[in-house]
Amino acid sequence: MSTLRDPAAALLEWYDRHARDLPWRIGPEPRARGARPDPYRVWLSEVMLQQTTVAAVRDYFHRFTTLWPTVEALAAAEDGRVMGEWAGLGYYARARNLLKCARVVAHEHAGHFPETAEALRKLPGVGPYTAAAIAAIAFDRPETVVDGNVERVIARRFDIRTPLPAAKPEITARAGALTPEARPGCYAQAVMDLGATICTPKNPACGICPWRDDCAGRLAGTAADLPAKTPKKPKPVRHGIAYLARRVDGAWLLERRPDSGLLGGMLGWPGSEWTEGDPAPAPPIRAEWRDVGAEARHTFTHFHLRLALRTALVPMERTPERGAFLPLEEFRPSDLPTVMRKAFDLAAKG
């Protein structure tokens, strides 16, 4: 199939037959019958999908929309409950901004999301990509939506060999030139689906691609190697100590981290500073601390973390210097961010 005359039309024809079935999406058939996406669900999915896969997001999306089916319901939710339900998705600043944004939409916009990318960018936590995605998908605005899938598709289609991130302006310009005035929401999702299902990072299925005849990367034999990326610097390793104290009645000593910084607003084990050298001991309560002999290891965006684990059983009358004891019946390991849950699991084995 040649897409030389109208690449958008060819891709939309493919999308109408092969669109992914996603819980936050209105598919092409119901959309053609007049159904329209819920901007709340579009926004929620886009925030969850940042730096995260569709497979990882599905269950979280279902749980959030069951607990808080509207933006007003989410705006009224307790911060700790939302942060707990978010645990495991990572990049926890997103959860804090999620609540801030929901409250702005509920209280300052009467529960209605703005319809333009420019107005959407004024909401907490909504950057250029998310604003463009919501405007296109929820409101059918002809915005240029460029995520990782789109970067890969466009770099290959136009044989853009400049490494990312330097190639972003050219990729965005090329993507914008292809964006149609008709059905821009479906088109934005079509390019994403093309990247997710056919123009994949490895072994792209060029033979069944609706853009194969006009793909400069395929014709040049470079498609599988694109997009090129500037090599990343090695991540440093930071070390810390996590203290897991359990009271004789079963309660666990936990603290909520400050809103700013990594794991902001999340429950976690009291601990030392995270440093590239040897961490200074910082026990949160007087106790007979035992070295578990294992490390909880986790990788953040900019560094690897190694947490040495200390455990202790403390009497009822002992008062912590930091944090507070959470009764056993209120403690859910699933409410902990991933690295803290790893620490818990290792300590339980030790």
Foldseek 3Di string as FASTA:
>chain_A
DACVPAVLVLLLVVQLVDPDDAPQADGPVVVVVPDFGDLVSLLVVVLLPVVHDSVVCRVLSVVCCVQQVALQSLLPDDLLVQLLSCFASFPSLSSVLSNQQSVCCVPVVVRDQDQALVRNCVRRPQHNQSSQLSNCQRVVAQGQHDDPLQQLQQCQQVVPAPAPPVCVVVSSVSSSVNRDSPNNNSSNSSSSVCSVPALDQADHPLVPRSNNVRGPNVVVVNSNVPDHHDDDDDAAEWEKEFEWEAEPQGWTFWAQADQDDGSHRAIAGDIFDTGSDDTDGDDFWDFDWDWLPAWQWDDDPRHIYTYTYIYGYHYPPTDTNDGDTDRNVPDDLSSGHPSRSSNVVSSVVD
